């Protein structure tokens, strides 16, 4: 499996994966919206997307998307691993682990403080993988969210 950073030539295939990811979390399919969203992130350098690509076919089977954030207290950059998705037929092959390792390597290379993520309480497979990969459930700070709409 080849892990690499996404570029503009990947948008149509990546949008299909991104749309499947959103559907996994209960959203309606919106391929055009997925394409616009991904293009906008790339054009404004607002995220880093890594792809899992089958080397023989060029088919994309998974992705992860990182968003940079900054800490005033530590004066360092961190990344939010916001999206991680592997097509259902390609799961249990270590692809998610490869994508996480690429995200970790990227973070270290650019001297980031670390990676932050959140997942559904019910997503036991993902939680087990994250814990196996060294992610620790936050206990020091409480998270709050204000919903504008």
N, C-alpha and C. Protein backbone atom coordinates (compact mmCIF):
# COMPACT_ATOMS: atom_id res chain seq x y z
N UNK A 1 0.84 -1.17 0.00
CA UNK A 1 0.00 0.00 0.00
C UNK A 1 0.88 1.23 0.00
N UNK A 2 0.57 2.18 -0.83
CA UNK A 2 1.33 3.42 -0.93
C UNK A 2 0.57 4.53 -0.19
N UNK A 3 1.26 5.22 0.71
CA UNK A 3 0.69 6.36 1.43
C UNK A 3 1.37 7.61 0.89
N UNK A 4 0.58 8.57 0.47
CA UNK A 4 1.15 9.80 -0.09
C UNK A 4 0.22 10.98 0.17
N UNK A 5 0.75 12.18 0.02
CA UNK A 5 -0.05 13.39 0.21
C UNK A 5 -0.90 13.64 -1.03
N UNK A 6 -2.13 14.07 -0.80
CA UNK A 6 -3.06 14.36 -1.89
C UNK A 6 -2.69 15.64 -2.62
N UNK A 7 -3.09 15.71 -3.89
CA UNK A 7 -2.92 16.93 -4.67
C UNK A 7 -4.19 17.15 -5.50
N UNK A 8 -4.21 18.22 -6.27
CA UNK A 8 -5.42 18.58 -7.03
C UNK A 8 -5.87 17.48 -8.00
N UNK A 9 -4.94 16.73 -8.55
CA UNK A 9 -5.30 15.66 -9.48
C UNK A 9 -6.10 14.54 -8.80
N UNK A 10 -6.07 14.49 -7.49
CA UNK A 10 -6.76 13.44 -6.74
C UNK A 10 -8.21 13.81 -6.38
N UNK A 11 -8.61 15.03 -6.65
CA UNK A 11 -9.88 15.52 -6.11
C UNK A 11 -11.07 14.63 -6.45
N UNK A 12 -11.24 14.20 -7.68
CA UNK A 12 -12.45 13.44 -8.02
C UNK A 12 -12.50 12.11 -7.28
N UNK A 13 -11.38 11.38 -7.23
CA UNK A 13 -11.36 10.11 -6.50
C UNK A 13 -11.45 10.34 -4.99
N UNK A 14 -10.76 11.36 -4.50
CA UNK A 14 -10.80 11.67 -3.08
C UNK A 14 -12.20 12.10 -2.65
N UNK A 15 -12.87 12.88 -3.47
CA UNK A 15 -14.23 13.33 -3.14
C UNK A 15 -15.16 12.13 -2.96
N UNK A 16 -14.98 11.09 -3.74
CA UNK A 16 -15.80 9.88 -3.59
C UNK A 16 -15.57 9.26 -2.22
N UNK A 17 -14.30 9.15 -1.81
CA UNK A 17 -13.98 8.60 -0.48
C UNK A 17 -14.52 9.50 0.63
N UNK A 18 -14.34 10.80 0.46
CA UNK A 18 -14.79 11.77 1.46
C UNK A 18 -16.31 11.70 1.62
N UNK A 19 -17.01 11.52 0.51
CA UNK A 19 -18.47 11.39 0.53
C UNK A 19 -18.88 10.12 1.28
N UNK A 20 -18.18 9.02 1.04
CA UNK A 20 -18.46 7.77 1.77
C UNK A 20 -18.21 7.95 3.26
N UNK A 21 -17.15 8.64 3.60
CA UNK A 21 -16.82 8.93 5.00
C UNK A 21 -17.95 9.70 5.67
N UNK A 22 -18.44 10.74 5.01
CA UNK A 22 -19.53 11.55 5.56
C UNK A 22 -20.80 10.71 5.71
N UNK A 23 -21.05 9.83 4.76
CA UNK A 23 -22.23 8.96 4.86
C UNK A 23 -22.09 8.01 6.05
N UNK A 24 -20.88 7.54 6.31
CA UNK A 24 -20.62 6.68 7.46
C UNK A 24 -21.07 7.36 8.75
N UNK A 25 -20.94 8.68 8.81
CA UNK A 25 -21.35 9.46 9.97
C UNK A 25 -22.75 10.06 9.82
N UNK A 26 -23.56 9.47 8.94
CA UNK A 26 -24.97 9.81 8.88
C UNK A 26 -25.35 10.99 8.00
N UNK A 27 -24.43 11.49 7.21
CA UNK A 27 -24.73 12.61 6.32
C UNK A 27 -25.23 12.10 4.97
N UNK A 28 -26.02 12.93 4.30
CA UNK A 28 -26.50 12.59 2.96
C UNK A 28 -25.36 12.72 1.96
N UNK A 29 -25.40 11.91 0.94
CA UNK A 29 -24.39 11.99 -0.12
C UNK A 29 -24.44 13.36 -0.78
N UNK A 30 -23.27 13.93 -1.00
CA UNK A 30 -23.16 15.23 -1.66
C UNK A 30 -21.78 15.31 -2.31
N UNK A 31 -21.65 14.65 -3.45
CA UNK A 31 -20.36 14.55 -4.12
C UNK A 31 -19.85 15.92 -4.57
N UNK A 32 -20.74 16.76 -5.10
CA UNK A 32 -20.32 18.09 -5.54
C UNK A 32 -19.83 18.91 -4.34
N UNK A 33 -20.55 18.83 -3.23
CA UNK A 33 -20.15 19.55 -2.03
C UNK A 33 -18.83 19.04 -1.48
N UNK A 34 -18.64 17.72 -1.54
CA UNK A 34 -17.38 17.13 -1.09
C UNK A 34 -16.21 17.66 -1.92
N UNK A 35 -16.38 17.71 -3.22
CA UNK A 35 -15.33 18.24 -4.10
C UNK A 35 -15.02 19.69 -3.78
N UNK A 36 -16.07 20.51 -3.63
CA UNK A 36 -15.85 21.93 -3.31
C UNK A 36 -15.11 22.08 -1.98
N UNK A 37 -15.53 21.31 -0.99
CA UNK A 37 -14.92 21.40 0.33
C UNK A 37 -13.42 21.06 0.26
N UNK A 38 -13.09 19.97 -0.41
CA UNK A 38 -11.69 19.55 -0.51
C UNK A 38 -10.85 20.54 -1.31
N UNK A 39 -11.39 21.04 -2.39
CA UNK A 39 -10.66 22.04 -3.19
C UNK A 39 -10.39 23.28 -2.35
N UNK A 40 -11.41 23.72 -1.59
CA UNK A 40 -11.26 24.90 -0.75
C UNK A 40 -10.17 24.69 0.30
N UNK A 41 -10.12 23.53 0.92
CA UNK A 41 -9.07 23.25 1.92
C UNK A 41 -7.69 23.32 1.26
N UNK A 42 -7.57 22.72 0.06
CA UNK A 42 -6.28 22.74 -0.63
C UNK A 42 -5.89 24.14 -1.07
N UNK A 43 -6.83 24.88 -1.66
CA UNK A 43 -6.52 26.22 -2.16
C UNK A 43 -6.05 27.16 -1.05
N UNK A 44 -6.58 26.98 0.14
CA UNK A 44 -6.25 27.86 1.25
C UNK A 44 -5.24 27.25 2.23
N UNK A 45 -4.63 26.13 1.82
CA UNK A 45 -3.65 25.45 2.68
C UNK A 45 -4.16 25.26 4.11
N UNK A 46 -5.41 24.81 4.21
CA UNK A 46 -6.03 24.66 5.52
C UNK A 46 -6.02 23.23 6.04
N UNK A 47 -5.59 22.29 5.24
CA UNK A 47 -5.49 20.92 5.73
C UNK A 47 -4.43 20.17 4.95
N UNK A 48 -4.03 19.06 5.52
CA UNK A 48 -3.08 18.14 4.88
C UNK A 48 -3.81 16.82 4.77
N UNK A 49 -3.85 16.27 3.56
CA UNK A 49 -4.58 15.03 3.33
C UNK A 49 -3.61 13.97 2.83
N UNK A 50 -3.62 12.83 3.51
CA UNK A 50 -2.82 11.70 3.08
C UNK A 50 -3.75 10.62 2.54
N UNK A 51 -3.30 9.98 1.48
CA UNK A 51 -4.10 8.96 0.79
C UNK A 51 -3.45 7.59 0.92
N UNK A 52 -4.29 6.58 0.97
CA UNK A 52 -3.83 5.20 0.85
C UNK A 52 -4.22 4.76 -0.56
N UNK A 53 -3.21 4.41 -1.35
CA UNK A 53 -3.42 4.10 -2.76
C UNK A 53 -2.87 2.71 -3.08
N UNK A 54 -3.67 1.93 -3.77
CA UNK A 54 -3.18 0.62 -4.22
C UNK A 54 -2.17 0.87 -5.34
N UNK A 55 -0.93 0.41 -5.17
CA UNK A 55 0.12 0.75 -6.14
C UNK A 55 -0.11 0.18 -7.53
N UNK A 56 -0.74 -0.97 -7.64
CA UNK A 56 -0.93 -1.58 -8.96
C UNK A 56 -2.06 -0.96 -9.75
N UNK A 57 -3.11 -0.50 -9.05
CA UNK A 57 -4.29 0.00 -9.75
C UNK A 57 -4.45 1.52 -9.67
N UNK A 58 -3.83 2.13 -8.68
CA UNK A 58 -4.01 3.56 -8.47
C UNK A 58 -5.32 3.89 -7.75
N UNK A 59 -6.07 2.86 -7.33
CA UNK A 59 -7.31 3.08 -6.61
C UNK A 59 -7.03 3.62 -5.21
N UNK A 60 -7.82 4.59 -4.80
CA UNK A 60 -7.72 5.13 -3.45
C UNK A 60 -8.62 4.31 -2.54
N UNK A 61 -8.08 3.87 -1.42
CA UNK A 61 -8.85 3.03 -0.51
C UNK A 61 -9.02 3.66 0.87
N UNK A 62 -8.34 4.76 1.14
CA UNK A 62 -8.47 5.42 2.42
C UNK A 62 -7.79 6.77 2.42
N UNK A 63 -8.09 7.55 3.46
CA UNK A 63 -7.46 8.87 3.61
C UNK A 63 -7.51 9.29 5.06
N UNK A 64 -6.68 10.25 5.40
CA UNK A 64 -6.78 10.97 6.66
C UNK A 64 -6.53 12.44 6.36
N UNK A 65 -7.19 13.29 7.14
CA UNK A 65 -7.07 14.74 6.93
C UNK A 65 -6.68 15.39 8.25
N UNK A 66 -5.62 16.19 8.19
CA UNK A 66 -5.10 16.89 9.36
C UNK A 66 -5.35 18.39 9.22
N UNK A 67 -5.75 19.00 10.32
CA UNK A 67 -5.94 20.45 10.36
C UNK A 67 -4.96 21.04 11.36
N UNK A 68 -4.17 22.04 10.96
CA UNK A 68 -3.24 22.66 11.90
C UNK A 68 -3.98 23.55 12.90
N UNK A 69 -3.53 23.50 14.16
CA UNK A 69 -4.02 24.38 15.22
C UNK A 69 -2.80 24.84 16.01
N UNK A 70 -2.99 25.87 16.81
CA UNK A 70 -1.86 26.45 17.53
C UNK A 70 -2.21 26.63 18.99
N UNK A 71 -1.21 26.45 19.84
CA UNK A 71 -1.38 26.62 21.28
C UNK A 71 -0.62 27.86 21.73
N UNK A 72 -1.34 28.79 22.33
CA UNK A 72 -0.69 29.98 22.87
C UNK A 72 0.16 29.63 24.07
N UNK A 73 -0.28 28.66 24.87
CA UNK A 73 0.45 28.30 26.09
C UNK A 73 1.79 27.66 25.76
N UNK A 74 1.78 26.66 24.88
CA UNK A 74 3.05 26.00 24.54
C UNK A 74 3.78 26.69 23.39
N UNK A 75 3.09 27.59 22.71
CA UNK A 75 3.62 28.29 21.54
C UNK A 75 4.09 27.30 20.47
N UNK A 76 3.25 26.26 20.27
CA UNK A 76 3.57 25.24 19.28
C UNK A 76 2.34 24.93 18.42
N UNK A 77 2.63 24.35 17.29
CA UNK A 77 1.58 23.88 16.40
C UNK A 77 1.28 22.42 16.74
N UNK A 78 0.01 22.08 16.65
CA UNK A 78 -0.44 20.70 16.73
C UNK A 78 -1.31 20.45 15.51
N UNK A 79 -1.73 19.24 15.36
CA UNK A 79 -2.64 18.91 14.26
C UNK A 79 -3.83 18.14 14.81
N UNK A 80 -4.98 18.45 14.27
CA UNK A 80 -6.18 17.70 14.57
C UNK A 80 -6.35 16.66 13.48
N UNK A 81 -6.30 15.41 13.86
CA UNK A 81 -6.58 14.33 12.93
C UNK A 81 -8.11 14.22 12.91
N UNK A 82 -8.70 14.96 11.99
CA UNK A 82 -10.15 15.12 11.98
C UNK A 82 -10.87 14.00 11.26
N UNK A 83 -10.26 13.49 10.22
CA UNK A 83 -10.91 12.48 9.39
C UNK A 83 -9.96 11.32 9.16
N UNK A 84 -10.46 10.13 9.32
CA UNK A 84 -9.72 8.91 8.99
C UNK A 84 -10.73 7.92 8.46
N UNK A 85 -10.52 7.48 7.22
CA UNK A 85 -11.50 6.59 6.61
C UNK A 85 -10.80 5.58 5.71
N UNK A 86 -11.24 4.34 5.81
CA UNK A 86 -10.81 3.27 4.91
C UNK A 86 -12.07 2.60 4.38
N UNK A 87 -12.11 2.38 3.09
CA UNK A 87 -13.29 1.73 2.49
C UNK A 87 -13.56 0.41 3.19
N UNK A 88 -14.82 0.09 3.34
CA UNK A 88 -15.22 -1.09 4.12
C UNK A 88 -14.55 -2.37 3.63
N UNK A 89 -14.42 -2.53 2.32
CA UNK A 89 -13.82 -3.76 1.78
C UNK A 89 -12.31 -3.83 1.98
N UNK A 90 -11.71 -2.73 2.44
CA UNK A 90 -10.27 -2.70 2.65
C UNK A 90 -9.88 -2.61 4.12
N UNK A 91 -10.84 -2.73 5.00
CA UNK A 91 -10.55 -2.65 6.43
C UNK A 91 -9.90 -3.92 6.93
N UNK A 92 -9.30 -3.83 8.09
CA UNK A 92 -8.61 -4.96 8.75
C UNK A 92 -7.37 -5.41 7.99
N UNK A 93 -6.77 -4.47 7.22
CA UNK A 93 -5.55 -4.76 6.47
C UNK A 93 -4.38 -3.88 6.92
N UNK A 94 -4.59 -3.10 7.98
CA UNK A 94 -3.53 -2.24 8.49
C UNK A 94 -3.43 -0.90 7.79
N UNK A 95 -4.40 -0.55 6.95
CA UNK A 95 -4.33 0.70 6.19
C UNK A 95 -4.51 1.91 7.10
N UNK A 96 -5.45 1.84 8.03
CA UNK A 96 -5.65 2.95 8.97
C UNK A 96 -4.38 3.19 9.78
N UNK A 97 -3.74 2.11 10.17
CA UNK A 97 -2.49 2.21 10.93
C UNK A 97 -1.42 2.91 10.11
N UNK A 98 -1.31 2.58 8.83
CA UNK A 98 -0.34 3.24 7.95
C UNK A 98 -0.63 4.73 7.82
N UNK A 99 -1.91 5.08 7.71
CA UNK A 99 -2.29 6.49 7.61
C UNK A 99 -1.95 7.23 8.90
N UNK A 100 -2.20 6.60 10.05
CA UNK A 100 -1.85 7.21 11.33
C UNK A 100 -0.34 7.40 11.43
N UNK A 101 0.43 6.41 11.01
CA UNK A 101 1.90 6.53 11.06
C UNK A 101 2.38 7.68 10.18
N UNK A 102 1.76 7.86 9.03
CA UNK A 102 2.14 8.98 8.16
C UNK A 102 1.81 10.31 8.84
N UNK A 103 0.66 10.39 9.49
CA UNK A 103 0.28 11.61 10.21
C UNK A 103 1.26 11.89 11.34
N UNK A 104 1.68 10.87 12.06
CA UNK A 104 2.66 11.03 13.13
C UNK A 104 4.00 11.51 12.57
N UNK A 105 4.45 10.88 11.49
CA UNK A 105 5.73 11.27 10.88
C UNK A 105 5.70 12.71 10.41
N UNK A 106 4.59 13.11 9.78
CA UNK A 106 4.43 14.48 9.31
C UNK A 106 4.51 15.45 10.49
N UNK A 107 3.82 15.12 11.57
CA UNK A 107 3.80 15.98 12.76
C UNK A 107 5.21 16.13 13.33
N UNK A 108 5.93 15.03 13.44
CA UNK A 108 7.29 15.08 13.96
C UNK A 108 8.21 15.88 13.03
N UNK A 109 8.10 15.63 11.72
CA UNK A 109 8.96 16.31 10.75
C UNK A 109 8.81 17.83 10.85
N UNK A 110 7.57 18.29 11.04
CA UNK A 110 7.33 19.73 11.12
C UNK A 110 7.30 20.24 12.55
N UNK A 111 7.90 19.46 13.45
CA UNK A 111 8.10 19.82 14.86
C UNK A 111 6.79 20.20 15.55
N UNK A 112 5.73 19.48 15.21
CA UNK A 112 4.46 19.70 15.88
C UNK A 112 4.48 19.12 17.28
N UNK A 113 3.65 19.66 18.12
CA UNK A 113 3.55 19.20 19.50
C UNK A 113 2.89 17.82 19.57
N UNK A 114 1.91 17.57 18.69
CA UNK A 114 1.24 16.28 18.70
C UNK A 114 0.01 16.26 17.82
N UNK A 115 -0.72 15.17 17.93
CA UNK A 115 -1.96 14.97 17.18
C UNK A 115 -3.12 14.85 18.15
N UNK A 116 -4.22 15.48 17.82
CA UNK A 116 -5.43 15.40 18.61
C UNK A 116 -6.51 14.79 17.72
N UNK A 117 -7.37 13.99 18.31
CA UNK A 117 -8.49 13.44 17.54
C UNK A 117 -9.66 13.21 18.45
N UNK A 118 -10.81 13.04 17.84
CA UNK A 118 -12.00 12.63 18.58
C UNK A 118 -12.76 11.65 17.70
N UNK A 119 -13.50 10.78 18.35
CA UNK A 119 -14.29 9.80 17.62
C UNK A 119 -15.54 9.50 18.43
N UNK A 120 -16.46 8.87 17.80
CA UNK A 120 -17.71 8.50 18.45
C UNK A 120 -17.44 7.52 19.59
N UNK A 121 -18.18 7.66 20.67
CA UNK A 121 -18.05 6.72 21.79
C UNK A 121 -18.35 5.30 21.33
N UNK A 122 -19.20 5.17 20.32
CA UNK A 122 -19.61 3.85 19.84
C UNK A 122 -18.64 3.22 18.84
N UNK A 123 -17.67 3.98 18.36
CA UNK A 123 -16.73 3.48 17.36
C UNK A 123 -15.60 2.72 18.06
N UNK A 124 -15.92 1.53 18.55
CA UNK A 124 -14.98 0.76 19.37
C UNK A 124 -13.75 0.32 18.60
N UNK A 125 -13.90 -0.01 17.32
CA UNK A 125 -12.73 -0.42 16.52
C UNK A 125 -11.73 0.72 16.41
N UNK A 126 -12.24 1.92 16.11
CA UNK A 126 -11.35 3.08 15.99
C UNK A 126 -10.70 3.40 17.33
N UNK A 127 -11.46 3.38 18.39
CA UNK A 127 -10.92 3.68 19.72
C UNK A 127 -9.81 2.70 20.09
N UNK A 128 -10.02 1.42 19.79
CA UNK A 128 -9.00 0.41 20.10
C UNK A 128 -7.72 0.68 19.29
N UNK A 129 -7.87 1.02 18.02
CA UNK A 129 -6.70 1.33 17.19
C UNK A 129 -5.97 2.55 17.73
N UNK A 130 -6.69 3.62 18.04
CA UNK A 130 -6.04 4.84 18.53
C UNK A 130 -5.27 4.57 19.81
N UNK A 131 -5.87 3.81 20.71
CA UNK A 131 -5.18 3.50 21.96
C UNK A 131 -3.95 2.64 21.71
N UNK A 132 -4.06 1.69 20.78
CA UNK A 132 -2.91 0.85 20.43
C UNK A 132 -1.78 1.68 19.82
N UNK A 133 -2.16 2.77 19.14
CA UNK A 133 -1.17 3.64 18.48
C UNK A 133 -0.65 4.75 19.40
N UNK A 134 -0.97 4.66 20.69
CA UNK A 134 -0.39 5.59 21.65
C UNK A 134 -1.22 6.82 21.96
N UNK A 135 -2.41 6.93 21.42
CA UNK A 135 -3.27 8.05 21.76
C UNK A 135 -3.87 7.78 23.15
N UNK A 136 -3.94 8.83 23.96
CA UNK A 136 -4.43 8.71 25.32
C UNK A 136 -5.68 9.58 25.45
N UNK A 137 -6.71 9.02 26.06
CA UNK A 137 -7.94 9.78 26.25
C UNK A 137 -7.67 10.97 27.16
N UNK A 138 -8.10 12.14 26.75
CA UNK A 138 -7.88 13.38 27.48
C UNK A 138 -8.62 13.34 28.82
N UNK A 139 -7.92 13.63 29.89
CA UNK A 139 -8.55 13.67 31.21
C UNK A 139 -8.26 14.99 31.93
N UNK A 140 -7.33 15.76 31.40
CA UNK A 140 -6.94 17.00 32.08
C UNK A 140 -7.89 18.15 31.79
N UNK A 141 -8.40 18.21 30.55
CA UNK A 141 -9.25 19.32 30.14
C UNK A 141 -10.62 18.81 29.72
N UNK A 142 -11.62 19.59 29.98
CA UNK A 142 -12.97 19.31 29.47
C UNK A 142 -13.14 20.04 28.16
N UNK A 143 -13.81 19.43 27.22
CA UNK A 143 -14.09 20.08 25.95
C UNK A 143 -15.53 20.57 25.94
N UNK A 144 -15.71 21.77 25.40
CA UNK A 144 -17.04 22.35 25.26
C UNK A 144 -17.21 22.77 23.81
N UNK A 145 -18.45 22.91 23.40
CA UNK A 145 -18.73 23.34 22.04
C UNK A 145 -19.94 24.24 22.05
N UNK A 146 -19.85 25.38 21.37
CA UNK A 146 -20.96 26.28 21.20
C UNK A 146 -21.47 26.14 19.79
N UNK A 147 -22.75 25.84 19.63
CA UNK A 147 -23.33 25.61 18.31
C UNK A 147 -24.03 26.88 17.84
N UNK A 148 -23.56 27.44 16.74
CA UNK A 148 -24.08 28.70 16.23
C UNK A 148 -25.45 28.56 15.59
N UNK A 149 -25.75 27.41 15.08
CA UNK A 149 -27.04 27.22 14.39
C UNK A 149 -27.81 26.13 15.08
